[in-house]
Amino acid sequence: MSRDLLLHIQEPLDADARRALLAHLERSLGLTAPSHVSAKPHLLFCPADADRVPPHVVLQAVRERGYHARLVDL
């Protein structure tokens, strides 16, 4: 079952950085566009199917891009 993950990223993301990061997640993990976009530049929603792509894998992919990120449990 797919649901959005909320990531808190220490570095603020402008629109271009957000798009680039989401494109990376789509290419590397097969994730699609999020159903919600936060107005706060340090929060990122991204879809994930825990059976296919566990949250820790998404977090690691974000960190590999040089961001300091944490999962936020909703």
PDB file of N, CA and C in Angstrom:
ATOM      1  N   MET A   1       0.841  -1.174   0.000  1.00  0.00           N
ATOM      2  CA  MET A   1       0.000   0.000   0.000  1.00  0.00           C
ATOM      3  C   MET A   1       0.889   1.241   0.000  1.00  0.00           C
ATOM      4  N   SER A   2       0.584   2.176  -0.853  1.00  0.00           N
ATOM      5  CA  SER A   2       1.378   3.383  -0.971  1.00  0.00           C
ATOM      6  C   SER A   2       0.844   4.478  -0.049  1.00  0.00           C
ATOM      7  N   ARG A   3       1.769   5.183   0.596  1.00  0.00           N
ATOM      8  CA  ARG A   3       1.409   6.345   1.391  1.00  0.00           C
ATOM      9  C   ARG A   3       2.583   7.306   1.325  1.00  0.00           C
ATOM     10  N   ASP A   4       2.318   8.552   1.635  1.00  0.00           N
ATOM     11  CA  ASP A   4       3.389   9.533   1.596  1.00  0.00           C
ATOM     12  C   ASP A   4       4.244   9.461   2.853  1.00  0.00           C
ATOM     13  N   LEU A   5       5.545   9.578   2.646  1.00  0.00           N
ATOM     14  CA  LEU A   5       6.484   9.745   3.738  1.00  0.00           C
ATOM     15  C   LEU A   5       6.753  11.238   3.869  1.00  0.00           C
ATOM     16  N   LEU A   6       6.982  11.680   5.080  1.00  0.00           N
ATOM     17  CA  LEU A   6       7.373  13.065   5.296  1.00  0.00           C
ATOM     18  C   LEU A   6       8.822  13.065   5.751  1.00  0.00           C
ATOM     19  N   LEU A   7       9.645  13.772   5.008  1.00  0.00           N
ATOM     20  CA  LEU A   7      11.055  13.896   5.334  1.00  0.00           C
ATOM     21  C   LEU A   7      11.338  15.314   5.797  1.00  0.00           C
ATOM     22  N   HIS A   8      12.053  15.431   6.903  1.00  0.00           N
ATOM     23  CA  HIS A   8      12.534  16.732   7.361  1.00  0.00           C
ATOM     24  C   HIS A   8      13.974  16.836   6.892  1.00  0.00           C
ATOM     25  N   ILE A   9      14.237  17.830   6.066  1.00  0.00           N
ATOM     26  CA  ILE A   9      15.565  18.006   5.501  1.00  0.00           C
ATOM     27  C   ILE A   9      16.163  19.267   6.101  1.00  0.00           C
ATOM     28  N   GLN A  10      17.342  19.138   6.649  1.00  0.00           N
ATOM     29  CA  GLN A  10      17.976  20.264   7.338  1.00  0.00           C
ATOM     30  C   GLN A  10      18.179  21.444   6.390  1.00  0.00           C
ATOM     31  N   GLU A  11      18.574  21.157   5.162  1.00  0.00           N
ATOM     32  CA  GLU A  11      18.799  22.208   4.183  1.00  0.00           C
ATOM     33  C   GLU A  11      17.474  22.596   3.529  1.00  0.00           C
ATOM     34  N   PRO A  12      17.157  23.894   3.436  1.00  0.00           N
ATOM     35  CA  PRO A  12      15.918  24.286   2.754  1.00  0.00           C
ATOM     36  C   PRO A  12      16.002  23.946   1.263  1.00  0.00           C
ATOM     37  N   LEU A  13      14.903  23.467   0.727  1.00  0.00           N
ATOM     38  CA  LEU A  13      14.852  23.105  -0.689  1.00  0.00           C
ATOM     39  C   LEU A  13      14.092  24.175  -1.469  1.00  0.00           C
ATOM     40  N   ASP A  14      14.742  24.787  -2.453  1.00  0.00           N
ATOM     41  CA  ASP A  14      13.990  25.668  -3.342  1.00  0.00           C
ATOM     42  C   ASP A  14      13.283  24.775  -4.369  1.00  0.00           C
ATOM     43  N   ALA A  15      12.494  25.376  -5.227  1.00  0.00           N
ATOM     44  CA  ALA A  15      11.688  24.592  -6.175  1.00  0.00           C
ATOM     45  C   ALA A  15      12.560  23.713  -7.072  1.00  0.00           C
ATOM     46  N   ASP A  16      13.694  24.243  -7.540  1.00  0.00           N
ATOM     47  CA  ASP A  16      14.575  23.460  -8.415  1.00  0.00           C
ATOM     48  C   ASP A  16      15.212  22.288  -7.672  1.00  0.00           C
ATOM     49  N   ALA A  17      15.654  22.527  -6.444  1.00  0.00           N
ATOM     50  CA  ALA A  17      16.260  21.444  -5.658  1.00  0.00           C
ATOM     51  C   ALA A  17      15.227  20.369  -5.337  1.00  0.00           C
ATOM     52  N   ARG A  18      14.006  20.780  -5.028  1.00  0.00           N
ATOM     53  CA  ARG A  18      12.928  19.820  -4.750  1.00  0.00           C
ATOM     54  C   ARG A  18      12.660  18.951  -5.970  1.00  0.00           C
ATOM     55  N   ARG A  19      12.539  19.591  -7.138  1.00  0.00           N
ATOM     56  CA  ARG A  19      12.297  18.843  -8.381  1.00  0.00           C
ATOM     57  C   ARG A  19      13.439  17.876  -8.678  1.00  0.00           C
ATOM     58  N   ALA A  20      14.675  18.345  -8.487  1.00  0.00           N
ATOM     59  CA  ALA A  20      15.832  17.489  -8.761  1.00  0.00           C
ATOM     60  C   ALA A  20      15.864  16.285  -7.817  1.00  0.00           C
ATOM     61  N   LEU A  21      15.576  16.513  -6.559  1.00  0.00           N
ATOM     62  CA  LEU A  21      15.584  15.416  -5.595  1.00  0.00           C
ATOM     63  C   LEU A  21      14.470  14.418  -5.897  1.00  0.00           C
ATOM     64  N   LEU A  22      13.287  14.907  -6.194  1.00  0.00           N
ATOM     65  CA  LEU A  22      12.183  14.002  -6.536  1.00  0.00           C
ATOM     66  C   LEU A  22      12.469  13.236  -7.825  1.00  0.00           C
ATOM     67  N   ALA A  23      13.111  13.887  -8.799  1.00  0.00           N
ATOM     68  CA  ALA A  23      13.482  13.203 -10.044  1.00  0.00           C
ATOM     69  C   ALA A  23      14.498  12.097  -9.754  1.00  0.00           C
ATOM     70  N   HIS A  24      15.436  12.367  -8.859  1.00  0.00           N
ATOM     71  CA  HIS A  24      16.417  11.346  -8.463  1.00  0.00           C
ATOM     72  C   HIS A  24      15.711  10.145  -7.820  1.00  0.00           C
ATOM     73  N   LEU A  25      14.755  10.418  -6.930  1.00  0.00           N
ATOM     74  CA  LEU A  25      14.024   9.331  -6.274  1.00  0.00           C
ATOM     75  C   LEU A  25      13.192   8.539  -7.277  1.00  0.00           C
ATOM     76  N   GLU A  26      12.662   9.234  -8.271  1.00  0.00           N
ATOM     77  CA  GLU A  26      11.896   8.533  -9.307  1.00  0.00           C
ATOM     78  C   GLU A  26      12.814   7.633 -10.131  1.00  0.00           C
ATOM     79  N   ARG A  27      13.960   8.164 -10.542  1.00  0.00           N
ATOM     80  CA  ARG A  27      14.892   7.379 -11.357  1.00  0.00           C
ATOM     81  C   ARG A  27      15.480   6.208 -10.575  1.00  0.00           C
ATOM     82  N   SER A  28      15.920   6.463  -9.354  1.00  0.00           N
ATOM     83  CA  SER A  28      16.643   5.425  -8.624  1.00  0.00           C
ATOM     84  C   SER A  28      15.736   4.424  -7.916  1.00  0.00           C
ATOM     85  N   LEU A  29      14.549   4.874  -7.473  1.00  0.00           N
ATOM     86  CA  LEU A  29      13.678   3.995  -6.691  1.00  0.00           C
ATOM     87  C   LEU A  29      12.317   3.736  -7.338  1.00  0.00           C
ATOM     88  N   GLY A  30      12.032   4.436  -8.421  1.00  0.00           N
ATOM     89  CA  GLY A  30      10.747   4.248  -9.085  1.00  0.00           C
ATOM     90  C   GLY A  30       9.588   4.945  -8.409  1.00  0.00           C
ATOM     91  N   LEU A  31       9.873   5.931  -7.547  1.00  0.00           N
ATOM     92  CA  LEU A  31       8.802   6.659  -6.865  1.00  0.00           C
ATOM     93  C   LEU A  31       8.157   7.663  -7.816  1.00  0.00           C
ATOM     94  N   THR A  32       6.894   7.911  -7.621  1.00  0.00           N
ATOM     95  CA  THR A  32       6.179   8.876  -8.443  1.00  0.00           C
ATOM     96  C   THR A  32       6.069  10.209  -7.706  1.00  0.00           C
ATOM     97  N   ALA A  33       5.431  11.173  -8.327  1.00  0.00           N
ATOM     98  CA  ALA A  33       5.285  12.500  -7.725  1.00  0.00           C
ATOM     99  C   ALA A  33       4.469  12.407  -6.440  1.00  0.00           C
ATOM    100  N   PRO A  34       4.782  13.243  -5.463  1.00  0.00           N
ATOM    101  CA  PRO A  34       4.036  13.213  -4.199  1.00  0.00           C
ATOM    102  C   PRO A  34       2.619  13.741  -4.380  1.00  0.00           C
ATOM    103  N   SER A  35       1.722  13.295  -3.514  1.00  0.00           N
ATOM    104  CA  SER A  35       0.335  13.762  -3.586  1.00  0.00           C
ATOM    105  C   SER A  35       0.171  15.106  -2.894  1.00  0.00           C
ATOM    106  N   HIS A  36       1.198  15.536  -2.155  1.00  0.00           N
ATOM    107  CA  HIS A  36       1.131  16.794  -1.413  1.00  0.00           C
ATOM    108  C   HIS A  36       2.502  17.463  -1.467  1.00  0.00           C
ATOM    109  N   VAL A  37       2.496  18.777  -1.645  1.00  0.00           N
ATOM    110  CA  VAL A  37       3.743  19.546  -1.623  1.00  0.00           C
ATOM    111  C   VAL A  37       3.664  20.512  -0.459  1.00  0.00           C
ATOM    112  N   SER A  38       4.640  20.455   0.409  1.00  0.00           N
ATOM    113  CA  SER A  38       4.664  21.329   1.575  1.00  0.00           C
ATOM    114  C   SER A  38       5.106  22.733   1.173  1.00  0.00           C
ATOM    115  N   ALA A  39       4.507  23.720   1.795  1.00  0.00           N
ATOM    116  CA  ALA A  39       4.915  25.108   1.580  1.00  0.00           C
ATOM    117  C   ALA A  39       6.199  25.410   2.346  1.00  0.00           C
ATOM    118  N   LYS A  40       6.575  24.535   3.257  1.00  0.00           N
ATOM    119  CA  LYS A  40       7.793  24.736   4.052  1.00  0.00           C
ATOM    120  C   LYS A  40       8.981  24.144   3.296  1.00  0.00           C
ATOM    121  N   PRO A  41      10.018  24.936   3.065  1.00  0.00           N
ATOM    122  CA  PRO A  41      11.126  24.491   2.203  1.00  0.00           C
ATOM    123  C   PRO A  41      11.981  23.371   2.776  1.00  0.00           C
ATOM    124  N   HIS A  42      11.814  23.036   4.042  1.00  0.00           N
ATOM    125  CA  HIS A  42      12.622  21.963   4.635  1.00  0.00           C
ATOM    126  C   HIS A  42      11.852  20.656   4.781  1.00  0.00           C
ATOM    127  N   LEU A  43      10.601  20.637   4.323  1.00  0.00           N
ATOM    128  CA  LEU A  43       9.796  19.412   4.396  1.00  0.00           C
ATOM    129  C   LEU A  43       9.536  18.880   2.999  1.00  0.00           C
ATOM    130  N   LEU A  44       9.633  17.581   2.854  1.00  0.00           N
ATOM    131  CA  LEU A  44       9.414  16.951   1.562  1.00  0.00           C
ATOM    132  C   LEU A  44       8.538  15.725   1.747  1.00  0.00           C
ATOM    133  N   PHE A  45       7.422  15.710   1.051  1.00  0.00           N
ATOM    134  CA  PHE A  45       6.585  14.519   1.004  1.00  0.00           C
ATOM    135  C   PHE A  45       7.031  13.701  -0.198  1.00  0.00           C
ATOM    136  N   CYS A  46       7.108  12.402  -0.019  1.00  0.00           N
ATOM    137  CA  CYS A  46       7.382  11.536  -1.160  1.00  0.00           C
ATOM    138  C   CYS A  46       6.617  10.230  -0.959  1.00  0.00           C
ATOM    139  N   PRO A  47       6.078   9.707  -2.056  1.00  0.00           N
ATOM    140  CA  PRO A  47       5.302   8.476  -1.946  1.00  0.00           C
ATOM    141  C   PRO A  47       6.219   7.277  -1.752  1.00  0.00           C
ATOM    142  N   ALA A  48       5.729   6.313  -1.024  1.00  0.00           N
ATOM    143  CA  ALA A  48       6.504   5.093  -0.840  1.00  0.00           C
ATOM    144  C   ALA A  48       5.569   3.930  -0.553  1.00  0.00           C
ATOM    145  N   ASP A  49       5.892   2.830  -1.128  1.00  0.00           N
ATOM    146  CA  ASP A  49       5.200   1.578  -0.851  1.00  0.00           C
ATOM    147  C   ASP A  49       6.169   0.765   0.000  1.00  0.00           C
ATOM    148  N   ALA A  50       5.864   0.659   1.284  1.00  0.00           N
ATOM    149  CA  ALA A  50       6.791   0.033   2.226  1.00  0.00           C
ATOM    150  C   ALA A  50       7.139  -1.407   1.839  1.00  0.00           C
ATOM    151  N   ASP A  51       6.267  -2.079   1.119  1.00  0.00           N
ATOM    152  CA  ASP A  51       6.566  -3.446   0.690  1.00  0.00           C
ATOM    153  C   ASP A  51       7.586  -3.459  -0.449  1.00  0.00           C
ATOM    154  N   ARG A  52       7.572  -2.413  -1.270  1.00  0.00           N
ATOM    155  CA  ARG A  52       8.460  -2.347  -2.428  1.00  0.00           C
ATOM    156  C   ARG A  52       9.714  -1.523  -2.136  1.00  0.00           C
ATOM    157  N   VAL A  53       9.519  -0.373  -1.496  1.00  0.00           N
ATOM    158  CA  VAL A  53      10.629   0.524  -1.159  1.00  0.00           C
ATOM    159  C   VAL A  53      10.465   0.951   0.296  1.00  0.00           C
ATOM    160  N   PRO A  54      11.148   0.316   1.208  1.00  0.00           N
ATOM    161  CA  PRO A  54      11.014   0.666   2.625  1.00  0.00           C
ATOM    162  C   PRO A  54      11.467   2.107   2.896  1.00  0.00           C
ATOM    163  N   PRO A  55      10.900   2.729   3.918  1.00  0.00           N
ATOM    164  CA  PRO A  55      11.251   4.117   4.239  1.00  0.00           C
ATOM    165  C   PRO A  55      12.746   4.354   4.436  1.00  0.00           C
ATOM    166  N   HIS A  56      13.448   3.412   5.047  1.00  0.00           N
ATOM    167  CA  HIS A  56      14.884   3.625   5.265  1.00  0.00           C
ATOM    168  C   HIS A  56      15.661   3.678   3.946  1.00  0.00           C
ATOM    169  N   VAL A  57      15.157   3.023   2.909  1.00  0.00           N
ATOM    170  CA  VAL A  57      15.801   3.072   1.591  1.00  0.00           C
ATOM    171  C   VAL A  57      15.606   4.458   0.977  1.00  0.00           C
ATOM    172  N   VAL A  58      14.405   5.021   1.138  1.00  0.00           N
ATOM    173  CA  VAL A  58      14.142   6.377   0.648  1.00  0.00           C
ATOM    174  C   VAL A  58      15.047   7.369   1.375  1.00  0.00           C
ATOM    175  N   LEU A  59      15.127   7.241   2.688  1.00  0.00           N
ATOM    176  CA  LEU A  59      15.968   8.130   3.487  1.00  0.00           C
ATOM    177  C   LEU A  59      17.428   8.042   3.040  1.00  0.00           C
ATOM    178  N   GLN A  60      17.919   6.850   2.822  1.00  0.00           N
ATOM    179  CA  GLN A  60      19.301   6.679   2.380  1.00  0.00           C
ATOM    180  C   GLN A  60      19.531   7.326   1.017  1.00  0.00           C
ATOM    181  N   ALA A  61      18.580   7.204   0.107  1.00  0.00           N
ATOM    182  CA  ALA A  61      18.718   7.818  -1.221  1.00  0.00           C
ATOM    183  C   ALA A  61      18.787   9.337  -1.118  1.00  0.00           C
ATOM    184  N   VAL A  62      18.033   9.920  -0.200  1.00  0.00           N
ATOM    185  CA  VAL A  62      18.080  11.374   0.012  1.00  0.00           C
ATOM    186  C   VAL A  62      19.431  11.758   0.604  1.00  0.00           C
ATOM    187  N   ARG A  63      19.897  11.012   1.555  1.00  0.00           N
ATOM    188  CA  ARG A  63      21.191  11.305   2.182  1.00  0.00           C
ATOM    189  C   ARG A  63      22.340  11.163   1.195  1.00  0.00           C
ATOM    190  N   GLU A  64      22.224  10.228   0.268  1.00  0.00           N
ATOM    191  CA  GLU A  64      23.266  10.047  -0.746  1.00  0.00           C
ATOM    192  C   GLU A  64      23.404  11.270  -1.644  1.00  0.00           C
ATOM    193  N   ARG A  65      22.379  12.091  -1.714  1.00  0.00           N
ATOM    194  CA  ARG A  65      22.429  13.343  -2.491  1.00  0.00           C
ATOM    195  C   ARG A  65      23.037  14.480  -1.681  1.00  0.00           C
ATOM    196  N   GLY A  66      23.497  14.189  -0.459  1.00  0.00           N
ATOM    197  CA  GLY A  66      24.172  15.178   0.352  1.00  0.00           C
ATOM    198  C   GLY A  66      23.290  15.927   1.332  1.00  0.00           C
ATOM    199  N   TYR A  67      22.030  15.526   1.446  1.00  0.00           N
ATOM    200  CA  TYR A  67      21.118  16.191   2.374  1.00  0.00           C
ATOM    201  C   TYR A  67      21.157  15.502   3.739  1.00  0.00           C
ATOM    202  N   HIS A  68      20.932  16.283   4.766  1.00  0.00           N
ATOM    203  CA  HIS A  68      20.792  15.756   6.125  1.00  0.00           C
ATOM    204  C   HIS A  68      19.291  15.639   6.384  1.00  0.00           C
ATOM    205  N   ALA A  69      18.785  14.428   6.375  1.00  0.00           N
ATOM    206  CA  ALA A  69      17.341  14.207   6.428  1.00  0.00           C
ATOM    207  C   ALA A  69      16.973  13.216   7.520  1.00  0.00           C
ATOM    208  N   ARG A  70      15.729  13.369   7.966  1.00  0.00           N
ATOM    209  CA  ARG A  70      15.133  12.438   8.944  1.00  0.00           C
ATOM    210  C   ARG A  70      13.700  12.157   8.528  1.00  0.00           C
ATOM    211  N   LEU A  71      13.237  10.969   8.859  1.00  0.00           N
ATOM    212  CA  LEU A  71      11.836  10.628   8.647  1.00  0.00           C
ATOM    213  C   LEU A  71      11.004  11.229   9.767  1.00  0.00           C
ATOM    214  N   VAL A  72       9.844  11.757   9.426  1.00  0.00           N
ATOM    215  CA  VAL A  72       8.903  12.276  10.420  1.00  0.00           C
ATOM    216  C   VAL A  72       7.750  11.299  10.458  1.00  0.00           C
ATOM    217  N   ASP A  73       7.463  10.762  11.629  1.00  0.00           N
ATOM    218  CA  ASP A  73       6.359   9.816  11.790  1.00  0.00           C
ATOM    219  C   ASP A  73       5.062  10.609  11.964  1.00  0.00           C
ATOM    220  N   LEU A  74       4.121  10.346  11.069  1.00  0.00           N
ATOM    221  CA  LEU A  74       2.849  11.075  11.138  1.00  0.00           C
ATOM    222  C   LEU A  74       1.852  10.312  11.953  1.00  0.00           C
TER     223      LEU A  74
END
